Amino acid sequence: VSVQVAGWSAYAGVGDGYTDFNYVTLNRASNGEELDRVCTPGSDSMAPRELDPGGATNVPLYVEVVDDATTNAYAWISVDDFRLD
C-alpha cells in the first residue's frame, strides 16, 4: 500500500532523543495485528511512503492513521493518495 504523508512526529528529549507520535499503520483486520508502520517525514511537504503487508496476502487489512501527540510538541499528520500496489 502506498500513501503520501506529511507532518511532524517527533519531540526532542524523550527516551533516546525522539519519540514518534504520528504515524500510519497497516493492520490485519481479523485481530488488529500491526504489520507495518511509517512515520511522518518531519516536513510540511508530502512524501511517499510504502506499507508492506509482509506475508499477509489475500486477507482483509486496514490502514490506521494515528495522531498521538499529547505534549506541547509541534506534531501533526496529513495523509493523501492511498493506493494498492
PDB file of N, CA and C in Angstrom:
ATOM      1  N   VAL A   1       0.854  -1.160   0.000  1.00  0.00           N
ATOM      2  CA  VAL A   1       0.000   0.000   0.000  1.00  0.00           C
ATOM      3  C   VAL A   1       0.902   1.225   0.000  1.00  0.00           C
ATOM      4  N   SER A   2       0.681   2.132  -0.932  1.00  0.00           N
ATOM      5  CA  SER A   2       1.447   3.373  -0.924  1.00  0.00           C
ATOM      6  C   SER A   2       0.550   4.513  -0.457  1.00  0.00           C
ATOM      7  N   VAL A   3       1.170   5.510   0.164  1.00  0.00           N
ATOM      8  CA  VAL A   3       0.442   6.650   0.715  1.00  0.00           C
ATOM      9  C   VAL A   3       1.381   7.852   0.722  1.00  0.00           C
ATOM     10  N   GLN A   4       0.820   9.025   0.564  1.00  0.00           N
ATOM     11  CA  GLN A   4       1.570  10.269   0.717  1.00  0.00           C
ATOM     12  C   GLN A   4       1.363  10.763   2.148  1.00  0.00           C
ATOM     13  N   VAL A   5       2.441  11.115   2.829  1.00  0.00           N
ATOM     14  CA  VAL A   5       2.372  11.539   4.233  1.00  0.00           C
ATOM     15  C   VAL A   5       3.154  12.842   4.401  1.00  0.00           C
ATOM     16  N   ALA A   6       2.599  13.766   5.173  1.00  0.00           N
ATOM     17  CA  ALA A   6       3.298  14.996   5.558  1.00  0.00           C
ATOM     18  C   ALA A   6       3.120  15.185   7.052  1.00  0.00           C
ATOM     19  N   GLY A   7       3.953  16.026   7.637  1.00  0.00           N
ATOM     20  CA  GLY A   7       3.795  16.358   9.040  1.00  0.00           C
ATOM     21  C   GLY A   7       5.035  16.098   9.858  1.00  0.00           C
ATOM     22  N   TRP A   8       4.861  16.254  11.143  1.00  0.00           N
ATOM     23  CA  TRP A   8       5.947  16.137  12.120  1.00  0.00           C
ATOM     24  C   TRP A   8       5.538  15.120  13.168  1.00  0.00           C
ATOM     25  N   SER A   9       6.479  14.305  13.601  1.00  0.00           N
ATOM     26  CA  SER A   9       6.103  13.243  14.534  1.00  0.00           C
ATOM     27  C   SER A   9       7.079  13.059  15.676  1.00  0.00           C
ATOM     28  N   ALA A  10       7.944  13.998  15.904  1.00  0.00           N
ATOM     29  CA  ALA A  10       8.959  13.772  16.929  1.00  0.00           C
ATOM     30  C   ALA A  10       9.000  14.917  17.926  1.00  0.00           C
ATOM     31  N   TYR A  11       9.354  14.573  19.123  1.00  0.00           N
ATOM     32  CA  TYR A  11       9.534  15.532  20.205  1.00  0.00           C
ATOM     33  C   TYR A  11      10.904  15.295  20.806  1.00  0.00           C
ATOM     34  N   ALA A  12      11.761  16.270  20.744  1.00  0.00           N
ATOM     35  CA  ALA A  12      13.131  16.112  21.245  1.00  0.00           C
ATOM     36  C   ALA A  12      13.140  15.932  22.752  1.00  0.00           C
ATOM     37  N   GLY A  13      14.088  15.126  23.210  1.00  0.00           N
ATOM     38  CA  GLY A  13      14.304  14.989  24.637  1.00  0.00           C
ATOM     39  C   GLY A  13      13.531  13.877  25.312  1.00  0.00           C
ATOM     40  N   VAL A  14      12.901  13.007  24.558  1.00  0.00           N
ATOM     41  CA  VAL A  14      12.160  11.888  25.143  1.00  0.00           C
ATOM     42  C   VAL A  14      12.909  10.604  24.815  1.00  0.00           C
ATOM     43  N   GLY A  15      13.126   9.776  25.806  1.00  0.00           N
ATOM     44  CA  GLY A  15      13.789   8.488  25.564  1.00  0.00           C
ATOM     45  C   GLY A  15      15.176   8.666  24.987  1.00  0.00           C
ATOM     46  N   ASP A  16      15.427   8.067  23.820  1.00  0.00           N
ATOM     47  CA  ASP A  16      16.751   8.138  23.211  1.00  0.00           C
ATOM     48  C   ASP A  16      16.907   9.373  22.330  1.00  0.00           C
ATOM     49  N   GLY A  17      16.082  10.364  22.512  1.00  0.00           N
ATOM     50  CA  GLY A  17      16.230  11.609  21.766  1.00  0.00           C
ATOM     51  C   GLY A  17      14.947  12.055  21.093  1.00  0.00           C
ATOM     52  N   TYR A  18      14.228  11.143  20.472  1.00  0.00           N
ATOM     53  CA  TYR A  18      12.995  11.489  19.770  1.00  0.00           C
ATOM     54  C   TYR A  18      11.956  10.392  19.963  1.00  0.00           C
ATOM     55  N   THR A  19      10.701  10.802  20.007  1.00  0.00           N
ATOM     56  CA  THR A  19       9.597   9.852  20.089  1.00  0.00           C
ATOM     57  C   THR A  19       8.662  10.108  18.917  1.00  0.00           C
ATOM     58  N   ASP A  20       8.280   9.070  18.199  1.00  0.00           N
ATOM     59  CA  ASP A  20       7.362   9.210  17.071  1.00  0.00           C
ATOM     60  C   ASP A  20       5.929   9.153  17.575  1.00  0.00           C
ATOM     61  N   PHE A  21       5.229  10.270  17.442  1.00  0.00           N
ATOM     62  CA  PHE A  21       3.843  10.359  17.885  1.00  0.00           C
ATOM     63  C   PHE A  21       2.850  10.093  16.759  1.00  0.00           C
ATOM     64  N   ASN A  22       3.201  10.469  15.540  1.00  0.00           N
ATOM     65  CA  ASN A  22       2.250  10.438  14.429  1.00  0.00           C
ATOM     66  C   ASN A  22       2.725   9.467  13.360  1.00  0.00           C
ATOM     67  N   TYR A  23       1.835   8.557  12.983  1.00  0.00           N
ATOM     68  CA  TYR A  23       2.243   7.502  12.068  1.00  0.00           C
ATOM     69  C   TYR A  23       1.020   6.873  11.402  1.00  0.00           C
ATOM     70  N   VAL A  24       1.301   6.045  10.403  1.00  0.00           N
ATOM     71  CA  VAL A  24       0.280   5.288   9.675  1.00  0.00           C
ATOM     72  C   VAL A  24       0.646   3.817   9.802  1.00  0.00           C
ATOM     73  N   THR A  25      -0.333   2.977  10.125  1.00  0.00           N
ATOM     74  CA  THR A  25      -0.073   1.541  10.239  1.00  0.00           C
ATOM     75  C   THR A  25      -0.938   0.753   9.260  1.00  0.00           C
ATOM     76  N   LEU A  26      -0.442  -0.417   8.909  1.00  0.00           N
ATOM     77  CA  LEU A  26      -1.201  -1.402   8.144  1.00  0.00           C
ATOM     78  C   LEU A  26      -1.448  -2.566   9.084  1.00  0.00           C
ATOM     79  N   ASN A  27      -2.720  -2.948   9.238  1.00  0.00           N
ATOM     80  CA  ASN A  27      -3.101  -3.937  10.248  1.00  0.00           C
ATOM     81  C   ASN A  27      -3.937  -5.069   9.656  1.00  0.00           C
ATOM     82  N   ARG A  28      -3.802  -6.236  10.253  1.00  0.00           N
ATOM     83  CA  ARG A  28      -4.634  -7.389   9.895  1.00  0.00           C
ATOM     84  C   ARG A  28      -6.025  -7.166  10.503  1.00  0.00           C
ATOM     85  N   ALA A  29      -7.072  -7.278   9.690  1.00  0.00           N
ATOM     86  CA  ALA A  29      -8.438  -6.999  10.149  1.00  0.00           C
ATOM     87  C   ALA A  29      -8.938  -8.013  11.170  1.00  0.00           C
ATOM     88  N   SER A  30      -8.506  -9.246  11.079  1.00  0.00           N
ATOM     89  CA  SER A  30      -9.042 -10.287  11.958  1.00  0.00           C
ATOM     90  C   SER A  30      -8.653 -10.113  13.423  1.00  0.00           C
ATOM     91  N   ASN A  31      -7.458  -9.536  13.668  1.00  0.00           N
ATOM     92  CA  ASN A  31      -7.011  -9.422  15.063  1.00  0.00           C
ATOM     93  C   ASN A  31      -6.329  -8.096  15.398  1.00  0.00           C
ATOM     94  N   GLY A  32      -6.256  -7.179  14.442  1.00  0.00           N
ATOM     95  CA  GLY A  32      -5.644  -5.876  14.683  1.00  0.00           C
ATOM     96  C   GLY A  32      -4.127  -5.870  14.704  1.00  0.00           C
ATOM     97  N   GLU A  33      -3.505  -7.011  14.399  1.00  0.00           N
ATOM     98  CA  GLU A  33      -2.042  -7.094  14.416  1.00  0.00           C
ATOM     99  C   GLU A  33      -1.437  -6.050  13.486  1.00  0.00           C
ATOM    100  N   GLU A  34      -0.486  -5.283  13.999  1.00  0.00           N
ATOM    101  CA  GLU A  34       0.204  -4.289  13.189  1.00  0.00           C
ATOM    102  C   GLU A  34       1.251  -4.986  12.328  1.00  0.00           C
ATOM    103  N   LEU A  35       1.140  -4.809  11.007  1.00  0.00           N
ATOM    104  CA  LEU A  35       2.055  -5.453  10.072  1.00  0.00           C
ATOM    105  C   LEU A  35       3.191  -4.536   9.646  1.00  0.00           C
ATOM    106  N   ASP A  36       2.909  -3.238   9.561  1.00  0.00           N
ATOM    107  CA  ASP A  36       3.941  -2.282   9.169  1.00  0.00           C
ATOM    108  C   ASP A  36       3.544  -0.899   9.667  1.00  0.00           C
ATOM    109  N   ARG A  37       4.551  -0.028   9.809  1.00  0.00           N
ATOM    110  CA  ARG A  37       4.317   1.335  10.306  1.00  0.00           C
ATOM    111  C   ARG A  37       5.255   2.293   9.580  1.00  0.00           C
ATOM    112  N   VAL A  38       4.735   3.457   9.211  1.00  0.00           N
ATOM    113  CA  VAL A  38       5.554   4.537   8.665  1.00  0.00           C
ATOM    114  C   VAL A  38       5.238   5.807   9.441  1.00  0.00           C
ATOM    115  N   CYS A  39       6.262   6.618   9.664  1.00  0.00           N
ATOM    116  CA  CYS A  39       6.098   7.869  10.404  1.00  0.00           C
ATOM    117  C   CYS A  39       6.112   9.051   9.445  1.00  0.00           C
ATOM    118  N   THR A  40       5.731  10.197   9.968  1.00  0.00           N
ATOM    119  CA  THR A  40       5.751  11.408   9.162  1.00  0.00           C
ATOM    120  C   THR A  40       7.193  11.781   8.818  1.00  0.00           C
ATOM    121  N   PRO A  41       7.384  12.543   7.718  1.00  0.00           N
ATOM    122  CA  PRO A  41       8.743  12.844   7.264  1.00  0.00           C
ATOM    123  C   PRO A  41       9.425  14.005   7.979  1.00  0.00           C
ATOM    124  N   GLY A  42       8.731  14.678   8.894  1.00  0.00           N
ATOM    125  CA  GLY A  42       9.319  15.862   9.519  1.00  0.00           C
ATOM    126  C   GLY A  42       9.372  17.019   8.546  1.00  0.00           C
ATOM    127  N   SER A  43       8.283  17.165   7.778  1.00  0.00           N
ATOM    128  CA  SER A  43       8.225  18.181   6.732  1.00  0.00           C
ATOM    129  C   SER A  43       6.774  18.566   6.471  1.00  0.00           C
ATOM    130  N   ASP A  44       6.579  19.790   5.973  1.00  0.00           N
ATOM    131  CA  ASP A  44       5.247  20.222   5.560  1.00  0.00           C
ATOM    132  C   ASP A  44       4.881  19.676   4.184  1.00  0.00           C
ATOM    133  N   SER A  45       5.852  19.114   3.477  1.00  0.00           N
ATOM    134  CA  SER A  45       5.631  18.581   2.131  1.00  0.00           C
ATOM    135  C   SER A  45       5.286  17.097   2.185  1.00  0.00           C
ATOM    136  N   MET A  46       4.389  16.675   1.297  1.00  0.00           N
ATOM    137  CA  MET A  46       4.030  15.264   1.197  1.00  0.00           C
ATOM    138  C   MET A  46       5.238  14.447   0.741  1.00  0.00           C
ATOM    139  N   ALA A  47       5.386  13.267   1.310  1.00  0.00           N
ATOM    140  CA  ALA A  47       6.458  12.345   0.941  1.00  0.00           C
ATOM    141  C   ALA A  47       5.849  10.964   0.735  1.00  0.00           C
ATOM    142  N   PRO A  48       6.310  10.222  -0.271  1.00  0.00           N
ATOM    143  CA  PRO A  48       5.778   8.881  -0.495  1.00  0.00           C
ATOM    144  C   PRO A  48       6.255   7.912   0.577  1.00  0.00           C
ATOM    145  N   ARG A  49       5.352   7.051   1.004  1.00  0.00           N
ATOM    146  CA  ARG A  49       5.665   6.007   1.978  1.00  0.00           C
ATOM    147  C   ARG A  49       5.015   4.711   1.509  1.00  0.00           C
ATOM    148  N   GLU A  50       5.623   3.583   1.843  1.00  0.00           N
ATOM    149  CA  GLU A  50       5.102   2.262   1.491  1.00  0.00           C
ATOM    150  C   GLU A  50       4.810   1.466   2.754  1.00  0.00           C
ATOM    151  N   LEU A  51       3.639   0.851   2.807  1.00  0.00           N
ATOM    152  CA  LEU A  51       3.267  -0.058   3.896  1.00  0.00           C
ATOM    153  C   LEU A  51       3.313  -1.474   3.343  1.00  0.00           C
ATOM    154  N   ASP A  52       4.155  -2.312   3.923  1.00  0.00           N
ATOM    155  CA  ASP A  52       4.373  -3.673   3.440  1.00  0.00           C
ATOM    156  C   ASP A  52       3.556  -4.662   4.269  1.00  0.00           C
ATOM    157  N   PRO A  53       2.657  -5.424   3.622  1.00  0.00           N
ATOM    158  CA  PRO A  53       1.861  -6.399   4.370  1.00  0.00           C
ATOM    159  C   PRO A  53       2.627  -7.665   4.731  1.00  0.00           C
ATOM    160  N   GLY A  54       3.876  -7.771   4.296  1.00  0.00           N
ATOM    161  CA  GLY A  54       4.637  -8.992   4.577  1.00  0.00           C
ATOM    162  C   GLY A  54       3.978 -10.176   3.900  1.00  0.00           C
ATOM    163  N   GLY A  55       3.750 -11.240   4.627  1.00  0.00           N
ATOM    164  CA  GLY A  55       3.124 -12.432   4.071  1.00  0.00           C
ATOM    165  C   GLY A  55       1.610 -12.419   4.114  1.00  0.00           C
ATOM    166  N   ALA A  56       1.019 -11.333   4.564  1.00  0.00           N
ATOM    167  CA  ALA A  56      -0.445 -11.262   4.699  1.00  0.00           C
ATOM    168  C   ALA A  56      -1.075 -10.869   3.367  1.00  0.00           C
ATOM    169  N   THR A  57      -1.196 -11.848   2.480  1.00  0.00           N
ATOM    170  CA  THR A  57      -1.826 -11.599   1.185  1.00  0.00           C
ATOM    171  C   THR A  57      -3.183 -12.288   1.138  1.00  0.00           C
ATOM    172  N   ASN A  58      -4.089 -11.701   0.402  1.00  0.00           N
ATOM    173  CA  ASN A  58      -5.449 -12.235   0.236  1.00  0.00           C
ATOM    174  C   ASN A  58      -6.206 -12.353   1.558  1.00  0.00           C
ATOM    175  N   VAL A  59      -5.913 -11.458   2.490  1.00  0.00           N
ATOM    176  CA  VAL A  59      -6.653 -11.379   3.755  1.00  0.00           C
ATOM    177  C   VAL A  59      -7.073  -9.923   3.961  1.00  0.00           C
ATOM    178  N   PRO A  60      -8.189  -9.691   4.647  1.00  0.00           N
ATOM    179  CA  PRO A  60      -8.622  -8.313   4.891  1.00  0.00           C
ATOM    180  C   PRO A  60      -7.621  -7.558   5.779  1.00  0.00           C
ATOM    181  N   LEU A  61      -7.287  -6.351   5.347  1.00  0.00           N
ATOM    182  CA  LEU A  61      -6.383  -5.475   6.083  1.00  0.00           C
ATOM    183  C   LEU A  61      -7.045  -4.115   6.230  1.00  0.00           C
ATOM    184  N   TYR A  62      -6.531  -3.301   7.155  1.00  0.00           N
ATOM    185  CA  TYR A  62      -6.998  -1.920   7.235  1.00  0.00           C
ATOM    186  C   TYR A  62      -5.825  -1.006   7.557  1.00  0.00           C
ATOM    187  N   VAL A  63      -5.985   0.257   7.183  1.00  0.00           N
ATOM    188  CA  VAL A  63      -4.984   1.281   7.444  1.00  0.00           C
ATOM    189  C   VAL A  63      -5.483   2.150   8.586  1.00  0.00           C
ATOM    190  N   GLU A  64      -4.594   2.481   9.521  1.00  0.00           N
ATOM    191  CA  GLU A  64      -4.943   3.355  10.634  1.00  0.00           C
ATOM    192  C   GLU A  64      -3.983   4.546  10.648  1.00  0.00           C
ATOM    193  N   VAL A  65      -4.541   5.752  10.735  1.00  0.00           N
ATOM    194  CA  VAL A  65      -3.750   6.977  10.833  1.00  0.00           C
ATOM    195  C   VAL A  65      -3.817   7.447  12.279  1.00  0.00           C
ATOM    196  N   VAL A  66      -2.651   7.624  12.910  1.00  0.00           N
ATOM    197  CA  VAL A  66      -2.594   7.931  14.341  1.00  0.00           C
ATOM    198  C   VAL A  66      -1.911   9.280  14.573  1.00  0.00           C
ATOM    199  N   ASP A  67      -2.599  10.167  15.284  1.00  0.00           N
ATOM    200  CA  ASP A  67      -2.026  11.414  15.796  1.00  0.00           C
ATOM    201  C   ASP A  67      -2.070  11.282  17.308  1.00  0.00           C
ATOM    202  N   ASP A  68      -0.959  10.894  17.905  1.00  0.00           N
ATOM    203  CA  ASP A  68      -0.932  10.543  19.322  1.00  0.00           C
ATOM    204  C   ASP A  68      -0.075  11.501  20.148  1.00  0.00           C
ATOM    205  N   ALA A  69       0.108  12.721  19.656  1.00  0.00           N
ATOM    206  CA  ALA A  69       0.911  13.700  20.395  1.00  0.00           C
ATOM    207  C   ALA A  69       0.070  14.316  21.499  1.00  0.00           C
ATOM    208  N   THR A  70       0.463  14.099  22.736  1.00  0.00           N
ATOM    209  CA  THR A  70      -0.285  14.640  23.874  1.00  0.00           C
ATOM    210  C   THR A  70       0.505  15.711  24.614  1.00  0.00           C
ATOM    211  N   THR A  71       1.700  16.033  24.120  1.00  0.00           N
ATOM    212  CA  THR A  71       2.527  17.055  24.754  1.00  0.00           C
ATOM    213  C   THR A  71       2.412  18.359  23.969  1.00  0.00           C
ATOM    214  N   ASN A  72       3.189  19.351  24.358  1.00  0.00           N
ATOM    215  CA  ASN A  72       3.193  20.633  23.660  1.00  0.00           C
ATOM    216  C   ASN A  72       4.139  20.637  22.466  1.00  0.00           C
ATOM    217  N   ALA A  73       4.443  19.479  21.926  1.00  0.00           N
ATOM    218  CA  ALA A  73       5.328  19.368  20.770  1.00  0.00           C
ATOM    219  C   ALA A  73       4.611  19.830  19.509  1.00  0.00           C
ATOM    220  N   TYR A  74       5.403  20.277  18.518  1.00  0.00           N
ATOM    221  CA  TYR A  74       4.846  20.622  17.217  1.00  0.00           C
ATOM    222  C   TYR A  74       4.738  19.321  16.430  1.00  0.00           C
ATOM    223  N   ALA A  75       3.593  18.702  16.482  1.00  0.00           N
ATOM    224  CA  ALA A  75       3.409  17.404  15.836  1.00  0.00           C
ATOM    225  C   ALA A  75       2.032  17.346  15.196  1.00  0.00           C
ATOM    226  N   TRP A  76       1.986  16.996  13.911  1.00  0.00           N
ATOM    227  CA  TRP A  76       0.724  16.829  13.194  1.00  0.00           C
ATOM    228  C   TRP A  76       0.962  15.865  12.039  1.00  0.00           C
ATOM    229  N   ILE A  77      -0.138  15.362  11.452  1.00  0.00           N
ATOM    230  CA  ILE A  77      -0.027  14.408  10.346  1.00  0.00           C
ATOM    231  C   ILE A  77      -1.088  14.716   9.295  1.00  0.00           C
ATOM    232  N   SER A  78      -0.707  14.540   8.047  1.00  0.00           N
ATOM    233  CA  SER A  78      -1.612  14.687   6.911  1.00  0.00           C
ATOM    234  C   SER A  78      -1.344  13.525   5.964  1.00  0.00           C
ATOM    235  N   VAL A  79      -2.400  12.902   5.448  1.00  0.00           N
ATOM    236  CA  VAL A  79      -2.244  11.768   4.532  1.00  0.00           C
ATOM    237  C   VAL A  79      -3.115  11.975   3.299  1.00  0.00           C
ATOM    238  N   ASP A  80      -2.699  11.367   2.185  1.00  0.00           N
ATOM    239  CA  ASP A  80      -3.429  11.507   0.929  1.00  0.00           C
ATOM    240  C   ASP A  80      -2.977  10.405  -0.028  1.00  0.00           C
ATOM    241  N   ASP A  81      -3.773  10.183  -1.033  1.00  0.00           N
ATOM    242  CA  ASP A  81      -3.404   9.347  -2.179  1.00  0.00           C
ATOM    243  C   ASP A  81      -3.035   7.909  -1.796  1.00  0.00           C
ATOM    244  N   PHE A  82      -3.927   7.233  -1.078  1.00  0.00           N
ATOM    245  CA  PHE A  82      -3.727   5.814  -0.763  1.00  0.00           C
ATOM    246  C   PHE A  82      -3.873   4.995  -2.042  1.00  0.00           C
ATOM    247  N   ARG A  83      -2.959   4.059  -2.267  1.00  0.00           N
ATOM    248  CA  ARG A  83      -3.014   3.201  -3.458  1.00  0.00           C
ATOM    249  C   ARG A  83      -2.620   1.774  -3.099  1.00  0.00           C
ATOM    250  N   LEU A  84      -3.349   0.838  -3.667  1.00  0.00           N
ATOM    251  CA  LEU A  84      -2.980  -0.571  -3.529  1.00  0.00           C
ATOM    252  C   LEU A  84      -1.983  -0.889  -4.622  1.00  0.00           C
ATOM    253  N   ASP A  85      -0.865  -1.460  -4.254  1.00  0.00           N
ATOM    254  CA  ASP A  85       0.185  -1.761  -5.236  1.00  0.00           C
ATOM    255  C   ASP A  85      -0.059  -3.088  -5.902  1.00  0.00           C
TER     256      ASP A  85
END
